[in-house]
Each structure stands twice: as C-alpha cells, then as structure tokens.
Amino acid sequence: MVSSPFSALACPLDGDPMHREGQTWRCAAGHSYDIARQGYTHLLPVQHKRSRDPGDSKAMVAARQRFLNAGHYQPVADAVARIVLARRPAAGPLHCLDAGCGEGYYLRQLVEAQSDAGAGDASLSLLGLDISKWAVLSAAKQERAVLSAAKQARVLQRDAHKDAGATWVVASNAHLPVQSNSLDCVLCLFGFPVYPEFMRVLKPGGMLVQADVGPDHLRELREVIYPSLKAERERSEAAPEGLIRHESESIRYSLTLDNAEAIADLLAMTPHLYRASADGRARAQALNFLTVTVDVRLTRFERPADDG
C-alpha cells in the first residue's frame, strides 16, 4: 500500500511550501486550507476559476467511476503502472502527481500494481489533482473505502501507517499547488497538459507520462453519434520545450459492451456527450450492444538531469 504521505504541497496564493497541522495545511504567510471530512483539500482560488463549478460534472464523474471500475480500461492502467514503477528510485518513495486525476482510478491501480509487484520497502507518495470537486470527492471517498477494507483485513497488524493514502486536492494544472523540483513523475492521462508547470514541479531527471487518444479510439461509437467523422489532425512529434521525448507505446484492443448502461456510461464520460446532436445521442441510447476500439498512445517525456 501507499506508505508515505505527500508533503510537497505549495500554497496556491503565494507558492510557499505548506505543512500539515492536524486537518489543516498552512504556509508561513498564514494561509490555511482545511482538509474536508471526506478527505480532500480545496486549493483552487476563486481567481483561478473560469466558472462556478469547473471541470467534470457529478454525473460525468459517476459514469466514469462505474465504467472504469468495471475494468474496461484495465490494459491502459496496467501499462501506466508498469512505466511508472519501472522508474522507482533506489532509495525513498516515488513522488508522483496525477494531474487531472478524475475519480482516482489510475492512482488506485498504481497502488495495487505496486503491492502486487512485491516492492518490499519501496513506497509511493501520491498526489491526485483535478479541477472538478466532484471528481476529487469521488477519489477521496473510494480510497477511504479501500483503506478501510485493508485495515479490517489485518486487524492484528500494527503497521496502519502503511495505509497513509494519497493526497487529494481540487486545483488546476495551470497553477499546480506543488513545490518546484519535488516530483519523480507526473501523469497526464487524457487531460490538459501544461508543460511549463510540469517542468517546474519535476525533479531533474523526472518523468512525464502522457496518455492521448489515437485516431481510432471509440471510432464505432463516434460513427453512431456523428453524421460523418472528421479527418484526424496530424500530431506533432516534437517534444515540448525543455523536455526530452522518449518512445511512445500504443495500446489497442476491442472492447465489447453488452448492455445499454455501459454504453451510456461510456458516452457520458467523454466530450462526445456534449458534441453530439440530440439525434446522435438518441441513436446511442437505443443501443444494447456495441464493440468499440480502444486506441491509446502513451508517451514518456523526461526533464534533463543536468538542466539545473
């Protein structure tokens, strides 16, 4: 399990390091942020919001939670975990941020993979961040349920500190409340990369893992809801400034959904729900069976070790 609490938060107002006192995070200037009873902290100042309730809605988060927990994207989660765990430091925990964590699925899968790998004393120090309060709330609640079950399963064991869990915050990728040069790894999985911020928080030699959809991703669903499909824009292979681009890995497989509820959840967790016309959504809602292509590209970038 996770054994190292995340301690590299920075104040979203002045960027100063924060420390935890009980159920509150504080910086030297006196700014304080309470940890909600559900287990997350709100670190998104009002001046960084573009709407009253930014990010994914409560309904979108619930749909994604059901869909992912059913294991439909397990091969993607397995590949992400394999890449991250291959870079565990020789000493100390691996400090990792999921920037745009959604309801926390990929971090939970990372913890499970680390446990299954028998990593010994190796540990993870995890931060899950999303601009949607509904997503972060779901992530915190699900992790609490997992940790509670783990503790009940070893009533006689005294090492409860090993279940410290991830830190969950509401914040924006554009203004990461994270100390500079503090992370071994940043995940940006189907999200909105802000490379200057990722560069800032990564340690020299740190790694960014980015997941993007491929040209055939969910093609069969898109053929149902749209009159025609637009030609895919050619992707740039250039590395963002200051980062070294490494190999990309393609994850491609067929996924069969054999009930209307799973199809509805897939549509609801994607931007296609809002992009499709009413007729297109109606055609999708009429389906009880659909086989779709999952087409995902994982790309690894690295901050140079000697960039100061």
C-alpha atoms as a PDB file:
ATOM      1  CA  MET A   1       0.000   0.000   0.000  1.00  0.00           C
ATOM      2  CA  VAL A   2       0.957   3.651  -0.059  1.00  0.00           C
ATOM      3  CA  SER A   3       3.268   4.305   2.872  1.00  0.00           C
ATOM      4  CA  SER A   4       4.497   7.878   2.502  1.00  0.00           C
ATOM      5  CA  PRO A   5       2.169  10.860   2.916  1.00  0.00           C
ATOM      6  CA  PHE A   6       2.598  13.517   0.257  1.00  0.00           C
ATOM      7  CA  SER A   7       4.312  16.552   1.800  1.00  0.00           C
ATOM      8  CA  ALA A   8       5.326  18.770  -1.140  1.00  0.00           C
ATOM      9  CA  LEU A   9       2.230  20.951  -1.391  1.00  0.00           C
ATOM     10  CA  ALA A  10       2.677  24.670  -2.027  1.00  0.00           C
ATOM     11  CA  CYS A  11       0.315  27.498  -1.157  1.00  0.00           C
ATOM     12  CA  PRO A  12      -1.884  28.327  -4.158  1.00  0.00           C
ATOM     13  CA  LEU A  13      -1.757  32.026  -3.267  1.00  0.00           C
ATOM     14  CA  ASP A  14       1.965  32.678  -2.753  1.00  0.00           C
ATOM     15  CA  GLY A  15       3.719  29.429  -3.730  1.00  0.00           C
ATOM     16  CA  ASP A  16       5.331  28.951  -0.314  1.00  0.00           C
ATOM     17  CA  PRO A  17       5.760  25.391   0.986  1.00  0.00           C
ATOM     18  CA  MET A  18       2.925  24.172   3.164  1.00  0.00           C
ATOM     19  CA  HIS A  19       2.981  21.840   6.132  1.00  0.00           C
ATOM     20  CA  ARG A  20       0.173  19.857   7.643  1.00  0.00           C
ATOM     21  CA  GLU A  21      -1.089  20.514  11.158  1.00  0.00           C
ATOM     22  CA  GLY A  22      -3.791  18.018  12.007  1.00  0.00           C
ATOM     23  CA  GLN A  23      -6.548  18.509   9.454  1.00  0.00           C
ATOM     24  CA  THR A  24      -5.174  21.780   8.050  1.00  0.00           C
ATOM     25  CA  TRP A  25      -2.467  22.738   5.554  1.00  0.00           C
ATOM     26  CA  ARG A  26      -0.638  26.004   6.347  1.00  0.00           C
ATOM     27  CA  CYS A  27       2.081  28.143   4.764  1.00  0.00           C
ATOM     28  CA  ALA A  28       4.498  30.509   6.511  1.00  0.00           C
ATOM     29  CA  ALA A  29       2.445  33.537   5.476  1.00  0.00           C
ATOM     30  CA  GLY A  30      -0.508  32.240   7.468  1.00  0.00           C
ATOM     31  CA  HIS A  31      -2.733  30.991   4.665  1.00  0.00           C
ATOM     32  CA  SER A  32      -4.560  27.854   5.761  1.00  0.00           C
ATOM     33  CA  TYR A  33      -6.656  25.225   3.981  1.00  0.00           C
ATOM     34  CA  ASP A  34      -8.782  22.691   5.823  1.00  0.00           C
ATOM     35  CA  ILE A  35      -8.979  19.053   4.825  1.00  0.00           C
ATOM     36  CA  ALA A  36     -12.643  18.234   4.277  1.00  0.00           C
ATOM     37  CA  ARG A  37     -14.175  15.402   6.272  1.00  0.00           C
ATOM     38  CA  GLN A  38     -14.327  13.370   3.042  1.00  0.00           C
ATOM     39  CA  GLY A  39     -10.526  13.517   2.806  1.00  0.00           C
ATOM     40  CA  TYR A  40      -9.680  16.155   0.189  1.00  0.00           C
ATOM     41  CA  THR A  41      -8.460  19.770   0.238  1.00  0.00           C
ATOM     42  CA  HIS A  42      -9.736  22.637  -1.887  1.00  0.00           C
ATOM     43  CA  LEU A  43      -6.738  24.560  -3.295  1.00  0.00           C
ATOM     44  CA  LEU A  44      -8.400  26.359  -6.205  1.00  0.00           C
ATOM     45  CA  PRO A  45      -8.614  30.119  -5.500  1.00  0.00           C
ATOM     46  CA  VAL A  46     -11.630  31.844  -6.956  1.00  0.00           C
ATOM     47  CA  GLN A  47      -9.406  33.912  -9.286  1.00  0.00           C
ATOM     48  CA  HIS A  48      -8.268  30.668 -10.946  1.00  0.00           C
ATOM     49  CA  LYS A  49     -11.812  29.550 -11.735  1.00  0.00           C
ATOM     50  CA  ARG A  50     -13.477  30.146 -15.096  1.00  0.00           C
ATOM     51  CA  SER A  51     -16.889  29.057 -13.843  1.00  0.00           C
ATOM     52  CA  ARG A  52     -18.653  28.433 -10.555  1.00  0.00           C
ATOM     53  CA  ASP A  53     -18.325  24.651 -10.896  1.00  0.00           C
ATOM     54  CA  PRO A  54     -15.430  23.896 -13.267  1.00  0.00           C
ATOM     55  CA  GLY A  55     -14.469  20.510 -14.640  1.00  0.00           C
ATOM     56  CA  ASP A  56     -16.479  17.338 -14.983  1.00  0.00           C
ATOM     57  CA  SER A  57     -19.994  17.306 -13.578  1.00  0.00           C
ATOM     58  CA  LYS A  58     -21.207  14.983 -10.854  1.00  0.00           C
ATOM     59  CA  ALA A  59     -22.995  12.850 -13.457  1.00  0.00           C
ATOM     60  CA  MET A  60     -19.891  12.548 -15.664  1.00  0.00           C
ATOM     61  CA  VAL A  61     -17.778  11.518 -12.682  1.00  0.00           C
ATOM     62  CA  ALA A  62     -20.301   8.881 -11.624  1.00  0.00           C
ATOM     63  CA  ALA A  63     -20.413   7.458 -15.157  1.00  0.00           C
ATOM     64  CA  ARG A  64     -16.621   7.310 -15.360  1.00  0.00           C
ATOM     65  CA  GLN A  65     -16.416   5.665 -11.948  1.00  0.00           C
ATOM     66  CA  ARG A  66     -18.800   2.889 -12.964  1.00  0.00           C
ATOM     67  CA  PHE A  67     -17.130   2.372 -16.343  1.00  0.00           C
ATOM     68  CA  LEU A  68     -13.541   2.282 -15.098  1.00  0.00           C
ATOM     69  CA  ASN A  69     -14.280   0.199 -12.027  1.00  0.00           C
ATOM     70  CA  ALA A  70     -15.804  -2.388 -14.370  1.00  0.00           C
ATOM     71  CA  GLY A  71     -12.271  -2.905 -15.735  1.00  0.00           C
ATOM     72  CA  HIS A  72     -12.869  -1.726 -19.291  1.00  0.00           C
ATOM     73  CA  TYR A  73      -9.622   0.287 -19.378  1.00  0.00           C
ATOM     74  CA  GLN A  74      -7.545  -2.141 -17.305  1.00  0.00           C
ATOM     75  CA  PRO A  75      -4.913  -2.619 -20.061  1.00  0.00           C
ATOM     76  CA  VAL A  76      -4.301   1.132 -20.080  1.00  0.00           C
ATOM     77  CA  ALA A  77      -3.956   1.235 -16.289  1.00  0.00           C
ATOM     78  CA  ASP A  78      -1.584  -1.745 -16.357  1.00  0.00           C
ATOM     79  CA  ALA A  79       0.662  -0.068 -18.918  1.00  0.00           C
ATOM     80  CA  VAL A  80       0.768   3.202 -16.965  1.00  0.00           C
ATOM     81  CA  ALA A  81       1.658   1.372 -13.746  1.00  0.00           C
ATOM     82  CA  ARG A  82       4.391  -0.634 -15.481  1.00  0.00           C
ATOM     83  CA  ILE A  83       6.026   2.515 -16.866  1.00  0.00           C
ATOM     84  CA  VAL A  84       5.857   4.368 -13.553  1.00  0.00           C
ATOM     85  CA  LEU A  85       7.045   1.528 -11.328  1.00  0.00           C
ATOM     86  CA  ALA A  86       9.999   0.854 -13.610  1.00  0.00           C
ATOM     87  CA  ARG A  87      11.329   4.253 -12.510  1.00  0.00           C
ATOM     88  CA  ARG A  88      11.153   3.704  -8.744  1.00  0.00           C
ATOM     89  CA  PRO A  89      14.093   5.460  -7.070  1.00  0.00           C
ATOM     90  CA  ALA A  90      16.738   3.313  -5.399  1.00  0.00           C
ATOM     91  CA  ALA A  91      16.029   4.962  -2.055  1.00  0.00           C
ATOM     92  CA  GLY A  92      12.991   6.728  -0.662  1.00  0.00           C
ATOM     93  CA  PRO A  93       9.461   6.915  -2.005  1.00  0.00           C
ATOM     94  CA  LEU A  94       8.455   7.649  -5.568  1.00  0.00           C
ATOM     95  CA  HIS A  95       6.705  11.045  -5.598  1.00  0.00           C
ATOM     96  CA  CYS A  96       4.005  11.078  -8.275  1.00  0.00           C
ATOM     97  CA  LEU A  97       1.276  13.528  -9.298  1.00  0.00           C
ATOM     98  CA  ASP A  98      -1.760  12.578 -11.376  1.00  0.00           C
ATOM     99  CA  ALA A  99      -2.589  15.928 -12.982  1.00  0.00           C
ATOM    100  CA  GLY A 100      -6.257  15.613 -13.871  1.00  0.00           C
ATOM    101  CA  CYS A 101      -6.816  12.532 -11.743  1.00  0.00           C
ATOM    102  CA  GLY A 102     -10.565  12.307 -12.240  1.00  0.00           C
ATOM    103  CA  GLU A 103     -12.066   9.914  -9.731  1.00  0.00           C
ATOM    104  CA  GLY A 104      -8.653   8.434  -8.908  1.00  0.00           C
ATOM    105  CA  TYR A 105      -8.790   5.185 -10.876  1.00  0.00           C
ATOM    106  CA  TYR A 106      -5.246   5.258 -12.251  1.00  0.00           C
ATOM    107  CA  LEU A 107      -3.631   6.083  -8.902  1.00  0.00           C
ATOM    108  CA  ARG A 108      -5.561   3.290  -7.211  1.00  0.00           C
ATOM    109  CA  GLN A 109      -4.411   0.906  -9.926  1.00  0.00           C
ATOM    110  CA  LEU A 110      -0.823   2.106  -9.466  1.00  0.00           C
ATOM    111  CA  VAL A 111      -1.003   1.322  -5.744  1.00  0.00           C
ATOM    112  CA  GLU A 112      -2.428  -2.125  -6.468  1.00  0.00           C
ATOM    113  CA  ALA A 113       0.286  -2.860  -9.034  1.00  0.00           C
ATOM    114  CA  GLN A 114       2.990  -1.756  -6.602  1.00  0.00           C
ATOM    115  CA  SER A 115       1.573  -4.068  -3.954  1.00  0.00           C
ATOM    116  CA  ASP A 116       1.306  -6.991  -6.395  1.00  0.00           C
ATOM    117  CA  ALA A 117       4.902  -6.435  -7.522  1.00  0.00           C
ATOM    118  CA  GLY A 118       6.201  -7.138  -4.008  1.00  0.00           C
ATOM    119  CA  ALA A 119       8.192  -3.924  -3.852  1.00  0.00           C
ATOM    120  CA  GLY A 120       9.417  -4.576  -0.316  1.00  0.00           C
ATOM    121  CA  ASP A 121      10.239  -1.327   1.423  1.00  0.00           C
ATOM    122  CA  ALA A 122       9.646   0.739  -1.714  1.00  0.00           C
ATOM    123  CA  SER A 123       6.753   3.125  -1.301  1.00  0.00           C
ATOM    124  CA  LEU A 124       4.669   5.650  -3.166  1.00  0.00           C
ATOM    125  CA  SER A 125       3.939   9.248  -2.244  1.00  0.00           C
ATOM    126  CA  LEU A 126       0.944  10.257  -4.344  1.00  0.00           C
ATOM    127  CA  LEU A 127      -0.967  13.415  -5.147  1.00  0.00           C
ATOM    128  CA  GLY A 128      -4.213  13.350  -7.107  1.00  0.00           C
ATOM    129  CA  LEU A 129      -5.334  16.713  -8.507  1.00  0.00           C
ATOM    130  CA  ASP A 130      -8.367  17.713 -10.516  1.00  0.00           C
ATOM    131  CA  ILE A 131     -10.257  20.936 -11.176  1.00  0.00           C
ATOM    132  CA  SER A 132     -13.577  19.121 -10.633  1.00  0.00           C
ATOM    133  CA  LYS A 133     -14.563  18.964  -6.975  1.00  0.00           C
ATOM    134  CA  TRP A 134     -16.910  16.093  -7.817  1.00  0.00           C
ATOM    135  CA  ALA A 135     -14.022  14.059  -9.226  1.00  0.00           C
ATOM    136  CA  VAL A 136     -11.762  14.674  -6.233  1.00  0.00           C
ATOM    137  CA  LEU A 137     -14.584  13.947  -3.812  1.00  0.00           C
ATOM    138  CA  SER A 138     -15.194  10.614  -5.538  1.00  0.00           C
ATOM    139  CA  ALA A 139     -11.479   9.778  -5.490  1.00  0.00           C
ATOM    140  CA  ALA A 140     -11.149  10.506  -1.782  1.00  0.00           C
ATOM    141  CA  LYS A 141     -14.267   8.516  -0.895  1.00  0.00           C
ATOM    142  CA  GLN A 142     -13.214   5.486  -2.936  1.00  0.00           C
ATOM    143  CA  GLU A 143      -9.734   5.453  -1.444  1.00  0.00           C
ATOM    144  CA  ARG A 144     -11.139   5.660   2.070  1.00  0.00           C
ATOM    145  CA  ALA A 145     -13.266   2.629   1.326  1.00  0.00           C
ATOM    146  CA  VAL A 146     -10.227   0.710   0.044  1.00  0.00           C
ATOM    147  CA  LEU A 147      -8.097   1.635   3.068  1.00  0.00           C
ATOM    148  CA  SER A 148     -10.882   0.756   5.478  1.00  0.00           C
ATOM    149  CA  ALA A 149     -11.249  -2.680   3.930  1.00  0.00           C
ATOM    150  CA  ALA A 150      -7.480  -3.198   4.067  1.00  0.00           C
ATOM    151  CA  LYS A 151      -7.345  -2.338   7.755  1.00  0.00           C
ATOM    152  CA  GLN A 152     -10.227  -4.674   8.566  1.00  0.00           C
ATOM    153  CA  ALA A 153      -8.426  -7.467   6.716  1.00  0.00           C
ATOM    154  CA  ARG A 154      -5.414  -7.230   9.061  1.00  0.00           C
ATOM    155  CA  VAL A 155      -6.895  -6.407  12.417  1.00  0.00           C
ATOM    156  CA  LEU A 156      -3.915  -7.843  14.275  1.00  0.00           C
ATOM    157  CA  GLN A 157      -1.300  -5.967  12.266  1.00  0.00           C
ATOM    158  CA  ARG A 158       0.084  -2.765  13.756  1.00  0.00           C
ATOM    159  CA  ASP A 159       1.539  -1.113  10.648  1.00  0.00           C
ATOM    160  CA  ALA A 160      -1.508   1.033   9.867  1.00  0.00           C
ATOM    161  CA  HIS A 161       0.838   3.841   8.826  1.00  0.00           C
ATOM    162  CA  LYS A 162       1.417   1.937   5.610  1.00  0.00           C
ATOM    163  CA  ASP A 163      -2.089   2.947   4.584  1.00  0.00           C
ATOM    164  CA  ALA A 164      -1.376   6.670   4.610  1.00  0.00           C
ATOM    165  CA  GLY A 165      -3.135   7.033   1.267  1.00  0.00           C
ATOM    166  CA  ALA A 166      -2.827   9.610  -1.461  1.00  0.00           C
ATOM    167  CA  THR A 167      -3.387  13.319  -1.006  1.00  0.00           C
ATOM    168  CA  TRP A 168      -6.368  14.618  -2.994  1.00  0.00           C
ATOM    169  CA  VAL A 169      -6.771  18.280  -3.945  1.00  0.00           C
ATOM    170  CA  VAL A 170      -9.046  20.440  -6.049  1.00  0.00           C
ATOM    171  CA  ALA A 171      -6.733  22.596  -8.162  1.00  0.00           C
ATOM    172  CA  SER A 172      -5.776  23.470 -11.731  1.00  0.00           C
ATOM    173  CA  ASN A 173      -2.961  22.170 -13.936  1.00  0.00           C
ATOM    174  CA  ALA A 174      -2.308  25.800 -14.877  1.00  0.00           C
ATOM    175  CA  HIS A 175      -1.379  26.619 -11.259  1.00  0.00           C
ATOM    176  CA  LEU A 176      -0.150  23.451  -9.586  1.00  0.00           C
ATOM    177  CA  PRO A 177      -0.026  23.843  -5.782  1.00  0.00           C
ATOM    178  CA  VAL A 178       3.164  21.794  -5.720  1.00  0.00           C
ATOM    179  CA  GLN A 179       6.700  22.714  -4.695  1.00  0.00           C
ATOM    180  CA  SER A 180       9.222  23.081  -7.507  1.00  0.00           C
ATOM    181  CA  ASN A 181      11.628  20.212  -8.247  1.00  0.00           C
ATOM    182  CA  SER A 182       9.734  17.843  -5.969  1.00  0.00           C
ATOM    183  CA  LEU A 183       8.284  15.094  -8.177  1.00  0.00           C
ATOM    184  CA  ASP A 184       9.741  11.966  -9.743  1.00  0.00           C
ATOM    185  CA  CYS A 185       6.747  11.520 -12.032  1.00  0.00           C
ATOM    186  CA  VAL A 186       3.761  13.428 -13.423  1.00  0.00           C
ATOM    187  CA  LEU A 187       0.842  11.649 -15.064  1.00  0.00           C
ATOM    188  CA  CYS A 188      -1.367  13.490 -17.551  1.00  0.00           C
ATOM    189  CA  LEU A 189      -3.857  10.890 -18.725  1.00  0.00           C
ATOM    190  CA  PHE A 190      -6.380  12.147 -21.290  1.00  0.00           C
ATOM    191  CA  GLY A 191      -6.134  15.574 -19.680  1.00  0.00           C
ATOM    192  CA  PHE A 192      -4.866  19.046 -20.452  1.00  0.00           C
ATOM    193  CA  PRO A 193      -1.058  19.231 -20.260  1.00  0.00           C
ATOM    194  CA  VAL A 194       0.541  22.440 -19.045  1.00  0.00           C
ATOM    195  CA  TYR A 195       4.164  21.700 -19.828  1.00  0.00           C
ATOM    196  CA  PRO A 196       5.813  24.703 -18.113  1.00  0.00           C
ATOM    197  CA  GLU A 197       4.107  23.741 -14.853  1.00  0.00           C
ATOM    198  CA  PHE A 198       5.017  20.072 -15.283  1.00  0.00           C
ATOM    199  CA  MET A 199       8.629  21.098 -15.924  1.00  0.00           C
ATOM    200  CA  ARG A 200       8.643  23.248 -12.794  1.00  0.00           C
ATOM    201  CA  VAL A 201       7.456  20.564 -10.392  1.00  0.00           C
ATOM    202  CA  LEU A 202       9.510  17.667 -11.821  1.00  0.00           C
ATOM    203  CA  LYS A 203      12.907  16.921 -10.381  1.00  0.00           C
ATOM    204  CA  PRO A 204      15.809  16.937 -12.841  1.00  0.00           C
ATOM    205  CA  GLY A 205      15.570  13.515 -14.438  1.00  0.00           C
ATOM    206  CA  GLY A 206      11.865  13.299 -13.604  1.00  0.00           C
ATOM    207  CA  MET A 207       9.350  11.742 -15.988  1.00  0.00           C
ATOM    208  CA  LEU A 208       6.075  12.842 -17.551  1.00  0.00           C
ATOM    209  CA  VAL A 209       3.730  10.094 -18.773  1.00  0.00           C
ATOM    210  CA  GLN A 210       1.058  11.382 -21.134  1.00  0.00           C
ATOM    211  CA  ALA A 211      -1.914   9.427 -22.493  1.00  0.00           C
ATOM    212  CA  ASP A 212      -3.664  10.599 -25.660  1.00  0.00           C
ATOM    213  CA  VAL A 213      -6.383   9.012 -27.740  1.00  0.00           C
ATOM    214  CA  GLY A 214      -5.389   7.524 -31.068  1.00  0.00           C
ATOM    215  CA  PRO A 215      -7.199   8.089 -34.388  1.00  0.00           C
ATOM    216  CA  ASP A 216      -9.403   5.010 -33.999  1.00  0.00           C
ATOM    217  CA  HIS A 217     -10.323   5.495 -30.347  1.00  0.00           C
ATOM    218  CA  LEU A 218     -14.054   4.759 -29.901  1.00  0.00           C
ATOM    219  CA  ARG A 219     -14.490   5.005 -33.660  1.00  0.00           C
ATOM    220  CA  GLU A 220     -17.542   2.754 -33.675  1.00  0.00           C
ATOM    221  CA  LEU A 221     -19.322   4.922 -31.098  1.00  0.00           C
ATOM    222  CA  ARG A 222     -18.415   8.084 -32.993  1.00  0.00           C
ATOM    223  CA  GLU A 223     -19.798   6.563 -36.202  1.00  0.00           C
ATOM    224  CA  VAL A 224     -23.127   6.105 -34.431  1.00  0.00           C
ATOM    225  CA  ILE A 225     -23.473   9.581 -32.959  1.00  0.00           C
ATOM    226  CA  TYR A 226     -21.997  11.741 -35.759  1.00  0.00           C
ATOM    227  CA  PRO A 227     -23.180  12.035 -39.390  1.00  0.00           C
ATOM    228  CA  SER A 228     -19.557  11.764 -40.509  1.00  0.00           C
ATOM    229  CA  LEU A 229     -16.124  11.665 -38.894  1.00  0.00           C
ATOM    230  CA  LYS A 230     -13.648  14.471 -39.349  1.00  0.00           C
ATOM    231  CA  ALA A 231     -10.170  13.647 -40.559  1.00  0.00           C
ATOM    232  CA  GLU A 232      -7.723  13.367 -37.685  1.00  0.00           C
ATOM    233  CA  ARG A 233      -5.268  16.218 -37.350  1.00  0.00           C
ATOM    234  CA  GLU A 234      -1.659  15.196 -37.712  1.00  0.00           C
ATOM    235  CA  ARG A 235       0.029  15.084 -34.330  1.00  0.00           C
ATOM    236  CA  SER A 236       3.319  16.837 -33.731  1.00  0.00           C
ATOM    237  CA  GLU A 237       6.142  14.543 -32.693  1.00  0.00           C
ATOM    238  CA  ALA A 238       8.190  17.428 -31.321  1.00  0.00           C
ATOM    239  CA  ALA A 239       8.937  17.401 -27.612  1.00  0.00           C
ATOM    240  CA  PRO A 240       7.658  20.311 -25.510  1.00  0.00           C
ATOM    241  CA  GLU A 241      10.362  22.868 -24.820  1.00  0.00           C
ATOM    242  CA  GLY A 242      12.737  21.699 -22.102  1.00  0.00           C
ATOM    243  CA  LEU A 243      11.649  18.051 -22.194  1.00  0.00           C
ATOM    244  CA  ILE A 244      13.196  15.029 -23.881  1.00  0.00           C
ATOM    245  CA  ARG A 245      10.755  12.835 -25.767  1.00  0.00           C
ATOM    246  CA  HIS A 246      11.127   9.083 -25.431  1.00  0.00           C
ATOM    247  CA  GLU A 247       9.297   6.211 -27.059  1.00  0.00           C
ATOM    248  CA  SER A 248       5.545   6.052 -27.422  1.00  0.00           C
ATOM    249  CA  GLU A 249       3.572   2.897 -26.712  1.00  0.00           C
ATOM    250  CA  SER A 250       0.330   2.052 -28.463  1.00  0.00           C
ATOM    251  CA  ILE A 251      -2.420   0.253 -26.556  1.00  0.00           C
ATOM    252  CA  ARG A 252      -5.092  -1.041 -28.881  1.00  0.00           C
ATOM    253  CA  TYR A 253      -7.826  -3.603 -28.308  1.00  0.00           C
ATOM    254  CA  SER A 254     -11.507  -4.300 -28.944  1.00  0.00           C
ATOM    255  CA  LEU A 255     -13.967  -3.749 -26.114  1.00  0.00           C
ATOM    256  CA  THR A 256     -17.441  -5.244 -26.169  1.00  0.00           C
ATOM    257  CA  LEU A 257     -20.188  -3.556 -24.150  1.00  0.00           C
ATOM    258  CA  ASP A 258     -23.231  -5.809 -23.880  1.00  0.00           C
ATOM    259  CA  ASN A 259     -25.712  -3.586 -22.089  1.00  0.00           C
ATOM    260  CA  ALA A 260     -27.225  -0.150 -22.525  1.00  0.00           C
ATOM    261  CA  GLU A 261     -25.971   1.084 -19.166  1.00  0.00           C
ATOM    262  CA  ALA A 262     -22.292   0.542 -20.006  1.00  0.00           C
ATOM    263  CA  ILE A 263     -22.724   2.220 -23.405  1.00  0.00           C
ATOM    264  CA  ALA A 264     -24.462   5.170 -21.750  1.00  0.00           C
ATOM    265  CA  ASP A 265     -21.650   5.477 -19.196  1.00  0.00           C
ATOM    266  CA  LEU A 266     -19.017   5.452 -21.939  1.00  0.00           C
ATOM    267  CA  LEU A 267     -20.767   8.245 -23.799  1.00  0.00           C
ATOM    268  CA  ALA A 268     -21.399  10.239 -20.619  1.00  0.00           C
ATOM    269  CA  MET A 269     -17.726  10.192 -19.562  1.00  0.00           C
ATOM    270  CA  THR A 270     -16.496  11.625 -22.881  1.00  0.00           C
ATOM    271  CA  PRO A 271     -16.780  15.059 -24.504  1.00  0.00           C
ATOM    272  CA  HIS A 272     -18.866  13.399 -27.227  1.00  0.00           C
ATOM    273  CA  LEU A 273     -21.931  13.610 -24.980  1.00  0.00           C
ATOM    274  CA  TYR A 274     -21.997  17.387 -25.481  1.00  0.00           C
ATOM    275  CA  ARG A 275     -20.643  17.486 -29.008  1.00  0.00           C
ATOM    276  CA  ALA A 276     -23.233  15.113 -30.462  1.00  0.00           C
ATOM    277  CA  SER A 277     -26.627  16.257 -31.662  1.00  0.00           C
ATOM    278  CA  ALA A 278     -29.827  15.160 -29.965  1.00  0.00           C
ATOM    279  CA  ASP A 279     -30.369  12.668 -32.783  1.00  0.00           C
ATOM    280  CA  GLY A 280     -26.872  11.278 -32.319  1.00  0.00           C
ATOM    281  CA  ARG A 281     -27.359  10.824 -28.597  1.00  0.00           C
ATOM    282  CA  ALA A 282     -30.701   9.134 -29.236  1.00  0.00           C
ATOM    283  CA  ARG A 283     -29.065   6.625 -31.589  1.00  0.00           C
ATOM    284  CA  ALA A 284     -26.507   5.772 -28.911  1.00  0.00           C
ATOM    285  CA  GLN A 285     -29.211   5.437 -26.254  1.00  0.00           C
ATOM    286  CA  ALA A 286     -31.009   2.883 -28.423  1.00  0.00           C
ATOM    287  CA  LEU A 287     -28.010   0.522 -28.402  1.00  0.00           C
ATOM    288  CA  ASN A 288     -27.848  -2.589 -26.211  1.00  0.00           C
ATOM    289  CA  PHE A 289     -24.637  -3.973 -27.691  1.00  0.00           C
ATOM    290  CA  LEU A 290     -21.555  -2.280 -29.095  1.00  0.00           C
ATOM    291  CA  THR A 291     -17.974  -3.302 -29.806  1.00  0.00           C
ATOM    292  CA  VAL A 292     -15.582  -0.359 -29.845  1.00  0.00           C
ATOM    293  CA  THR A 293     -11.889   0.072 -30.492  1.00  0.00           C
ATOM    294  CA  VAL A 294      -9.748   1.352 -27.644  1.00  0.00           C
ATOM    295  CA  ASP A 295      -6.792   3.171 -29.209  1.00  0.00           C
ATOM    296  CA  VAL A 296      -4.492   4.939 -26.745  1.00  0.00           C
ATOM    297  CA  ARG A 297      -0.963   6.284 -27.075  1.00  0.00           C
ATOM    298  CA  LEU A 298       1.291   6.558 -24.028  1.00  0.00           C
ATOM    299  CA  THR A 299       4.278   8.854 -24.437  1.00  0.00           C
ATOM    300  CA  ARG A 300       7.101   9.326 -21.966  1.00  0.00           C
ATOM    301  CA  PHE A 301       8.950  12.622 -21.599  1.00  0.00           C
ATOM    302  CA  GLU A 302      11.887  13.399 -19.321  1.00  0.00           C
ATOM    303  CA  ARG A 303      13.232  16.525 -17.741  1.00  0.00           C
ATOM    304  CA  PRO A 304      17.002  16.502 -18.397  1.00  0.00           C
ATOM    305  CA  ALA A 305      19.002  15.514 -15.345  1.00  0.00           C
ATOM    306  CA  ASP A 306      21.555  18.276 -15.867  1.00  0.00           C
ATOM    307  CA  ASP A 307      19.253  21.251 -16.516  1.00  0.00           C
ATOM    308  CA  GLY A 308      19.885  22.791 -13.121  1.00  0.00           C
END
